PDB file of all heavy atoms in Angstrom:
ATOM      1  N   ASP A   1      81.995 208.634 159.741  1.00  0.00           N
ATOM      2  CA  ASP A   1      81.392 209.895 160.339  1.00  0.00           C
ATOM      3  C   ASP A   1      81.880 209.832 161.782  1.00  0.00           C
ATOM      4  O   ASP A   1      82.321 208.870 162.365  1.00  0.00           O
ATOM      5  CB  ASP A   1      79.927 209.737 160.285  1.00  0.00           C
ATOM      6  CG  ASP A   1      79.116 210.987 160.724  1.00  0.00           C
ATOM      7  OD1 ASP A   1      79.835 212.053 160.641  1.00  0.00           O
ATOM      8  OD2 ASP A   1      78.025 210.922 160.886  1.00  0.00           O
ATOM      9  N   GLU A   2      81.835 211.085 162.422  1.00  0.00           N
ATOM     10  CA  GLU A   2      82.258 211.326 163.849  1.00  0.00           C
ATOM     11  C   GLU A   2      83.607 210.736 164.124  1.00  0.00           C
ATOM     12  O   GLU A   2      83.830 210.092 165.117  1.00  0.00           O
ATOM     13  CB  GLU A   2      81.132 210.755 164.788  1.00  0.00           C
ATOM     14  CG  GLU A   2      79.769 211.178 164.542  1.00  0.00           C
ATOM     15  CD  GLU A   2      79.487 212.553 165.012  1.00  0.00           C
ATOM     16  OE1 GLU A   2      80.484 213.270 165.436  1.00  0.00           O
ATOM     17  OE2 GLU A   2      78.345 213.060 165.057  1.00  0.00           O
ATOM     18  N   TYR A   3      84.621 211.055 163.276  1.00  0.00           N
ATOM     19  CA  TYR A   3      85.845 210.420 163.417  1.00  0.00           C
ATOM     20  C   TYR A   3      86.575 210.831 164.746  1.00  0.00           C
ATOM     21  O   TYR A   3      87.389 210.164 165.251  1.00  0.00           O
ATOM     22  CB  TYR A   3      86.813 210.690 162.301  1.00  0.00           C
ATOM     23  CG  TYR A   3      88.058 209.879 162.261  1.00  0.00           C
ATOM     24  CD1 TYR A   3      87.945 208.550 162.095  1.00  0.00           C
ATOM     25  CD2 TYR A   3      89.324 210.554 162.358  1.00  0.00           C
ATOM     26  CE1 TYR A   3      89.143 207.758 162.106  1.00  0.00           C
ATOM     27  CE2 TYR A   3      90.467 209.674 162.239  1.00  0.00           C
ATOM     28  CZ  TYR A   3      90.363 208.335 162.264  1.00  0.00           C
ATOM     29  OH  TYR A   3      91.443 207.563 162.166  1.00  0.00           O
ATOM     30  N   GLN A   4      86.149 211.982 165.299  1.00  0.00           N
ATOM     31  CA  GLN A   4      86.783 212.478 166.599  1.00  0.00           C
ATOM     32  C   GLN A   4      86.367 211.621 167.695  1.00  0.00           C
ATOM     33  O   GLN A   4      86.996 211.611 168.808  1.00  0.00           O
ATOM     34  CB  GLN A   4      86.382 213.913 166.950  1.00  0.00           C
ATOM     35  CG  GLN A   4      85.025 214.105 167.456  1.00  0.00           C
ATOM     36  CD  GLN A   4      83.942 214.055 166.329  1.00  0.00           C
ATOM     37  OE1 GLN A   4      84.156 214.084 165.241  1.00  0.00           O
ATOM     38  NE2 GLN A   4      82.615 214.072 166.850  1.00  0.00           N
ATOM     39  N   ASP A   5      85.327 210.688 167.522  1.00  0.00           N
ATOM     40  CA  ASP A   5      84.823 209.925 168.664  1.00  0.00           C
ATOM     41  C   ASP A   5      85.417 208.422 168.551  1.00  0.00           C
ATOM     42  O   ASP A   5      84.998 207.592 169.221  1.00  0.00           O
ATOM     43  CB  ASP A   5      83.397 209.725 168.638  1.00  0.00           C
ATOM     44  CG  ASP A   5      82.677 211.232 168.981  1.00  0.00           C
ATOM     45  OD1 ASP A   5      83.376 211.908 169.697  1.00  0.00           O
ATOM     46  OD2 ASP A   5      81.670 211.444 168.586  1.00  0.00           O
ATOM     47  N   THR A   6      86.334 208.198 167.671  1.00  0.00           N
ATOM     48  CA  THR A   6      86.888 206.788 167.525  1.00  0.00           C
ATOM     49  C   THR A   6      88.112 206.661 168.502  1.00  0.00           C
ATOM     50  O   THR A   6      88.693 207.534 168.924  1.00  0.00           O
ATOM     51  CB  THR A   6      87.522 206.631 166.030  1.00  0.00           C
ATOM     52  OG1 THR A   6      88.439 207.684 165.747  1.00  0.00           O
ATOM     53  CG2 THR A   6      86.330 206.655 165.068  1.00  0.00           C
ATOM     54  N   ASN A   7      88.363 205.344 168.840  1.00  0.00           N
ATOM     55  CA  ASN A   7      89.442 205.004 169.787  1.00  0.00           C
ATOM     56  C   ASN A   7      90.614 204.467 168.918  1.00  0.00           C
ATOM     57  O   ASN A   7      90.628 204.363 167.600  1.00  0.00           O
ATOM     58  CB  ASN A   7      89.040 204.079 170.753  1.00  0.00           C
ATOM     59  CG  ASN A   7      88.399 202.786 170.201  1.00  0.00           C
ATOM     60  OD1 ASN A   7      88.948 202.182 169.344  1.00  0.00           O
ATOM     61  ND2 ASN A   7      87.340 202.367 170.738  1.00  0.00           N
ATOM     62  N   ARG A   8      91.720 204.167 169.574  1.00  0.00           N
ATOM     63  CA  ARG A   8      92.958 203.667 168.881  1.00  0.00           C
ATOM     64  C   ARG A   8      92.695 202.452 168.042  1.00  0.00           C
ATOM     65  O   ARG A   8      93.208 202.304 167.008  1.00  0.00           O
ATOM     66  CB  ARG A   8      94.025 203.507 169.952  1.00  0.00           C
ATOM     67  CG  ARG A   8      94.606 204.689 170.465  1.00  0.00           C
ATOM     68  CD  ARG A   8      95.400 205.496 169.481  1.00  0.00           C
ATOM     69  NE  ARG A   8      96.159 206.584 170.094  1.00  0.00           N
ATOM     70  CZ  ARG A   8      96.715 207.577 169.422  1.00  0.00           C
ATOM     71  NH1 ARG A   8      96.597 207.674 168.154  1.00  0.00           N
ATOM     72  NH2 ARG A   8      97.353 208.578 169.981  1.00  0.00           N
ATOM     73  N   LEU A   9      91.856 201.493 168.627  1.00  0.00           N
ATOM     74  CA  LEU A   9      91.661 200.377 167.937  1.00  0.00           C
ATOM     75  C   LEU A   9      90.862 200.561 166.696  1.00  0.00           C
ATOM     76  O   LEU A   9      91.212 199.954 165.631  1.00  0.00           O
ATOM     77  CB  LEU A   9      90.867 199.426 168.811  1.00  0.00           C
ATOM     78  CG  LEU A   9      90.687 197.911 168.401  1.00  0.00           C
ATOM     79  CD1 LEU A   9      91.964 197.192 168.155  1.00  0.00           C
ATOM     80  CD2 LEU A   9      89.845 197.136 169.561  1.00  0.00           C
ATOM     81  N   GLN A  10      89.872 201.404 166.620  1.00  0.00           N
ATOM     82  CA  GLN A  10      89.145 201.769 165.448  1.00  0.00           C
ATOM     83  C   GLN A  10      90.055 202.404 164.459  1.00  0.00           C
ATOM     84  O   GLN A  10      89.962 202.125 163.269  1.00  0.00           O
ATOM     85  CB  GLN A  10      87.888 202.596 165.765  1.00  0.00           C
ATOM     86  CG  GLN A  10      86.855 201.941 166.564  1.00  0.00           C
ATOM     87  CD  GLN A  10      85.851 202.745 167.225  1.00  0.00           C
ATOM     88  OE1 GLN A  10      86.137 203.837 167.757  1.00  0.00           O
ATOM     89  NE2 GLN A  10      84.566 202.403 167.216  1.00  0.00           N
ATOM     90  N   SER A  11      90.952 203.277 164.923  1.00  0.00           N
ATOM     91  CA  SER A  11      91.858 203.914 163.953  1.00  0.00           C
ATOM     92  C   SER A  11      92.749 202.851 163.272  1.00  0.00           C
ATOM     93  O   SER A  11      92.994 202.965 162.077  1.00  0.00           O
ATOM     94  CB  SER A  11      92.601 204.995 164.730  1.00  0.00           C
ATOM     95  OG  SER A  11      93.698 205.612 163.866  1.00  0.00           O
ATOM     96  N   SER A  12      93.252 201.981 164.099  1.00  0.00           N
ATOM     97  CA  SER A  12      94.116 200.893 163.608  1.00  0.00           C
ATOM     98  C   SER A  12      93.420 200.030 162.519  1.00  0.00           C
ATOM     99  O   SER A  12      93.978 199.709 161.447  1.00  0.00           O
ATOM    100  CB  SER A  12      94.576 199.929 164.725  1.00  0.00           C
ATOM    101  OG  SER A  12      95.396 200.733 165.651  1.00  0.00           O
ATOM    102  N   ILE A  13      92.111 199.810 162.816  1.00  0.00           N
ATOM    103  CA  ILE A  13      91.309 199.021 161.778  1.00  0.00           C
ATOM    104  C   ILE A  13      91.304 199.844 160.412  1.00  0.00           C
ATOM    105  O   ILE A  13      91.462 199.292 159.361  1.00  0.00           O
ATOM    106  CB  ILE A  13      89.947 198.744 162.306  1.00  0.00           C
ATOM    107  CG1 ILE A  13      90.036 197.713 163.385  1.00  0.00           C
ATOM    108  CG2 ILE A  13      89.000 198.237 161.184  1.00  0.00           C
ATOM    109  CD1 ILE A  13      88.764 197.514 164.183  1.00  0.00           C
ATOM    110  N   LEU A  14      90.976 201.074 160.573  1.00  0.00           N
ATOM    111  CA  LEU A  14      90.742 201.970 159.352  1.00  0.00           C
ATOM    112  C   LEU A  14      92.043 202.011 158.598  1.00  0.00           C
ATOM    113  O   LEU A  14      92.037 201.875 157.331  1.00  0.00           O
ATOM    114  CB  LEU A  14      90.271 203.205 159.775  1.00  0.00           C
ATOM    115  CG  LEU A  14      89.653 204.221 158.755  1.00  0.00           C
ATOM    116  CD1 LEU A  14      88.357 203.572 158.192  1.00  0.00           C
ATOM    117  CD2 LEU A  14      89.440 205.577 159.338  1.00  0.00           C
ATOM    118  N   LEU A  15      93.113 202.282 159.262  1.00  0.00           N
ATOM    119  CA  LEU A  15      94.418 202.415 158.580  1.00  0.00           C
ATOM    120  C   LEU A  15      94.943 201.109 157.932  1.00  0.00           C
ATOM    121  O   LEU A  15      95.588 201.112 156.915  1.00  0.00           O
ATOM    122  CB  LEU A  15      95.470 202.959 159.526  1.00  0.00           C
ATOM    123  CG  LEU A  15      95.225 204.457 160.063  1.00  0.00           C
ATOM    124  CD1 LEU A  15      96.263 204.854 161.007  1.00  0.00           C
ATOM    125  CD2 LEU A  15      94.883 205.396 158.984  1.00  0.00           C
ATOM    126  N   ALA A  16      94.543 199.979 158.530  1.00  0.00           N
ATOM    127  CA  ALA A  16      94.857 198.716 157.959  1.00  0.00           C
ATOM    128  C   ALA A  16      93.994 198.367 156.816  1.00  0.00           C
ATOM    129  O   ALA A  16      94.471 197.759 155.819  1.00  0.00           O
ATOM    130  CB  ALA A  16      94.737 197.555 159.009  1.00  0.00           C
ATOM    131  N   LEU A  17      92.766 198.853 156.751  1.00  0.00           N
ATOM    132  CA  LEU A  17      91.878 198.679 155.560  1.00  0.00           C
ATOM    133  C   LEU A  17      92.361 199.441 154.395  1.00  0.00           C
ATOM    134  O   LEU A  17      92.334 198.936 153.191  1.00  0.00           O
ATOM    135  CB  LEU A  17      90.440 199.153 155.936  1.00  0.00           C
ATOM    136  CG  LEU A  17      89.435 198.206 156.640  1.00  0.00           C
ATOM    137  CD1 LEU A  17      88.263 198.959 156.892  1.00  0.00           C
ATOM    138  CD2 LEU A  17      89.233 196.985 155.714  1.00  0.00           C
ATOM    139  N   LYS A  18      92.848 200.627 154.600  1.00  0.00           N
ATOM    140  CA  LYS A  18      93.261 201.612 153.572  1.00  0.00           C
ATOM    141  C   LYS A  18      94.568 202.222 153.949  1.00  0.00           C
ATOM    142  O   LYS A  18      94.722 203.470 154.176  1.00  0.00           O
ATOM    143  CB  LYS A  18      92.265 202.658 153.328  1.00  0.00           C
ATOM    144  CG  LYS A  18      90.892 202.131 152.766  1.00  0.00           C
ATOM    145  CD  LYS A  18      91.077 201.520 151.304  1.00  0.00           C
ATOM    146  CE  LYS A  18      89.843 200.862 150.774  1.00  0.00           C
ATOM    147  NZ  LYS A  18      90.004 200.114 149.511  1.00  0.00           N
ATOM    148  N   PRO A  19      95.616 201.477 153.973  1.00  0.00           N
ATOM    149  CA  PRO A  19      96.860 201.935 154.382  1.00  0.00           C
ATOM    150  C   PRO A  19      97.466 203.142 153.555  1.00  0.00           C
ATOM    151  O   PRO A  19      98.251 203.935 154.062  1.00  0.00           O
ATOM    152  CB  PRO A  19      97.890 200.715 154.334  1.00  0.00           C
ATOM    153  CG  PRO A  19      97.183 199.761 153.389  1.00  0.00           C
ATOM    154  CD  PRO A  19      95.715 199.983 153.596  1.00  0.00           C
ATOM    155  N   ASP A  20      97.071 203.165 152.283  1.00  0.00           N
ATOM    156  CA  ASP A  20      97.479 204.313 151.414  1.00  0.00           C
ATOM    157  C   ASP A  20      96.461 205.457 151.390  1.00  0.00           C
ATOM    158  O   ASP A  20      96.826 206.432 150.847  1.00  0.00           O
ATOM    159  CB  ASP A  20      97.901 203.795 150.084  1.00  0.00           C
ATOM    160  CG  ASP A  20      96.608 203.143 149.263  1.00  0.00           C
ATOM    161  OD1 ASP A  20      95.565 203.082 149.931  1.00  0.00           O
ATOM    162  OD2 ASP A  20      96.775 202.719 148.153  1.00  0.00           O
ATOM    163  N   GLY A  21      95.380 205.218 151.960  1.00  0.00           N
ATOM    164  CA  GLY A  21      94.333 206.260 152.052  1.00  0.00           C
ATOM    165  C   GLY A  21      93.507 206.464 150.875  1.00  0.00           C
ATOM    166  O   GLY A  21      92.651 207.262 150.762  1.00  0.00           O
ATOM    167  N   ARG A  22      93.625 205.734 149.889  1.00  0.00           N
ATOM    168  CA  ARG A  22      92.908 205.770 148.579  1.00  0.00           C
ATOM    169  C   ARG A  22      91.495 205.411 148.857  1.00  0.00           C
ATOM    170  O   ARG A  22      91.135 204.377 149.371  1.00  0.00           O
ATOM    171  CB  ARG A  22      93.436 204.838 147.530  1.00  0.00           C
ATOM    172  CG  ARG A  22      94.824 205.169 146.885  1.00  0.00           C
ATOM    173  CD  ARG A  22      95.164 204.187 145.741  1.00  0.00           C
ATOM    174  NE  ARG A  22      94.213 204.208 144.654  1.00  0.00           N
ATOM    175  CZ  ARG A  22      94.272 205.037 143.591  1.00  0.00           C
ATOM    176  NH1 ARG A  22      95.282 206.036 143.564  1.00  0.00           N
ATOM    177  NH2 ARG A  22      93.346 205.025 142.678  1.00  0.00           N
ATOM    178  N   GLY A  23      90.687 206.435 148.509  1.00  0.00           N
ATOM    179  CA  GLY A  23      89.167 206.236 148.611  1.00  0.00           C
ATOM    180  C   GLY A  23      88.652 206.424 149.993  1.00  0.00           C
ATOM    181  O   GLY A  23      87.549 206.106 150.383  1.00  0.00           O
ATOM    182  N   LEU A  24      89.557 206.999 150.958  1.00  0.00           N
ATOM    183  CA  LEU A  24      89.169 207.166 152.437  1.00  0.00           C
ATOM    184  C   LEU A  24      88.717 208.618 152.663  1.00  0.00           C
ATOM    185  O   LEU A  24      89.340 209.485 152.377  1.00  0.00           O
ATOM    186  CB  LEU A  24      90.387 206.732 153.190  1.00  0.00           C
ATOM    187  CG  LEU A  24      90.229 206.924 154.774  1.00  0.00           C
ATOM    188  CD1 LEU A  24      89.076 205.966 155.185  1.00  0.00           C
ATOM    189  CD2 LEU A  24      91.493 206.459 155.456  1.00  0.00           C
ATOM    190  N   THR A  25      87.548 208.728 153.302  1.00  0.00           N
ATOM    191  CA  THR A  25      87.020 209.989 153.735  1.00  0.00           C
ATOM    192  C   THR A  25      86.591 209.877 155.179  1.00  0.00           C
ATOM    193  O   THR A  25      85.880 209.052 155.607  1.00  0.00           O
ATOM    194  CB  THR A  25      85.784 210.422 152.872  1.00  0.00           C
ATOM    195  OG1 THR A  25      86.145 210.590 151.552  1.00  0.00           O
ATOM    196  CG2 THR A  25      85.185 211.762 153.393  1.00  0.00           C
ATOM    197  N   VAL A  26      87.168 210.732 156.064  1.00  0.00           N
ATOM    198  CA  VAL A  26      86.663 210.808 157.469  1.00  0.00           C
ATOM    199  C   VAL A  26      86.140 212.260 157.638  1.00  0.00           C
ATOM    200  O   VAL A  26      86.645 213.208 157.214  1.00  0.00           O
ATOM    201  CB  VAL A  26      87.762 210.382 158.398  1.00  0.00           C
ATOM    202  CG1 VAL A  26      88.313 209.107 158.179  1.00  0.00           C
ATOM    203  CG2 VAL A  26      88.908 211.511 158.433  1.00  0.00           C
ATOM    204  N   VAL A  27      85.051 212.283 158.458  1.00  0.00           N
ATOM    205  CA  VAL A  27      84.452 213.510 158.808  1.00  0.00           C
ATOM    206  C   VAL A  27      84.296 213.681 160.347  1.00  0.00           C
ATOM    207  O   VAL A  27      84.037 212.725 160.977  1.00  0.00           O
ATOM    208  CB  VAL A  27      82.988 213.519 158.171  1.00  0.00           C
ATOM    209  CG1 VAL A  27      82.265 214.905 158.551  1.00  0.00           C
ATOM    210  CG2 VAL A  27      83.093 213.366 156.695  1.00  0.00           C
ATOM    211  N   GLY A  28      84.593 214.815 160.841  1.00  0.00           N
ATOM    212  CA  GLY A  28      84.436 215.070 162.351  1.00  0.00           C
ATOM    213  C   GLY A  28      84.862 216.423 162.769  1.00  0.00           C
ATOM    214  O   GLY A  28      85.129 217.260 161.851  1.00  0.00           O
ATOM    215  N   ASP A  29      84.843 216.680 163.954  1.00  0.00           N
ATOM    216  CA  ASP A  29      85.117 217.990 164.553  1.00  0.00           C
ATOM    217  C   ASP A  29      86.014 217.848 165.795  1.00  0.00           C
ATOM    218  O   ASP A  29      85.461 217.307 166.862  1.00  0.00           O
ATOM    219  CB  ASP A  29      83.848 218.715 164.864  1.00  0.00           C
ATOM    220  CG  ASP A  29      84.073 220.096 165.416  1.00  0.00           C
ATOM    221  OD1 ASP A  29      85.308 220.570 165.400  1.00  0.00           O
ATOM    222  OD2 ASP A  29      83.164 220.897 165.826  1.00  0.00           O
ATOM    223  N   ASP A  30      87.294 218.181 165.703  1.00  0.00           N
ATOM    224  CA  ASP A  30      88.129 218.049 166.963  1.00  0.00           C
ATOM    225  C   ASP A  30      87.578 218.758 168.156  1.00  0.00           C
ATOM    226  O   ASP A  30      87.755 218.402 169.302  1.00  0.00           O
ATOM    227  CB  ASP A  30      89.550 218.472 166.618  1.00  0.00           C
ATOM    228  CG  ASP A  30      89.628 219.847 166.152  1.00  0.00           C
ATOM    229  OD1 ASP A  30      89.048 220.151 165.041  1.00  0.00           O
ATOM    230  OD2 ASP A  30      90.228 220.648 166.798  1.00  0.00           O
ATOM    231  N   ALA A  31      86.878 219.829 167.960  1.00  0.00           N
ATOM    232  CA  ALA A  31      86.313 220.645 169.034  1.00  0.00           C
ATOM    233  C   ALA A  31      85.152 219.957 169.763  1.00  0.00           C
ATOM    234  O   ALA A  31      84.696 220.461 170.752  1.00  0.00           O
ATOM    235  CB  ALA A  31      85.937 222.011 168.410  1.00  0.00           C
ATOM    236  N   GLN A  32      84.641 218.820 169.131  1.00  0.00           N
ATOM    237  CA  GLN A  32      83.505 218.093 169.753  1.00  0.00           C
ATOM    238  C   GLN A  32      83.984 216.778 170.327  1.00  0.00           C
ATOM    239  O   GLN A  32      83.143 215.810 170.442  1.00  0.00           O
ATOM    240  CB  GLN A  32      82.392 217.944 168.835  1.00  0.00           C
ATOM    241  CG  GLN A  32      81.699 219.400 168.513  1.00  0.00           C
ATOM    242  CD  GLN A  32      80.509 219.213 167.694  1.00  0.00           C
ATOM    243  OE1 GLN A  32      79.420 218.774 168.159  1.00  0.00           O
ATOM    244  NE2 GLN A  32      80.605 219.585 166.376  1.00  0.00           N
TER     245      GLN A  32
END
């Protein structure tokens, strides 16, 4: 949730957990 509020380190963790994106859902709003 609130993916627009994540930093680079959190993004790196997420992409390392699911490098192919299978089963991955992120929700957010770039305008916020």
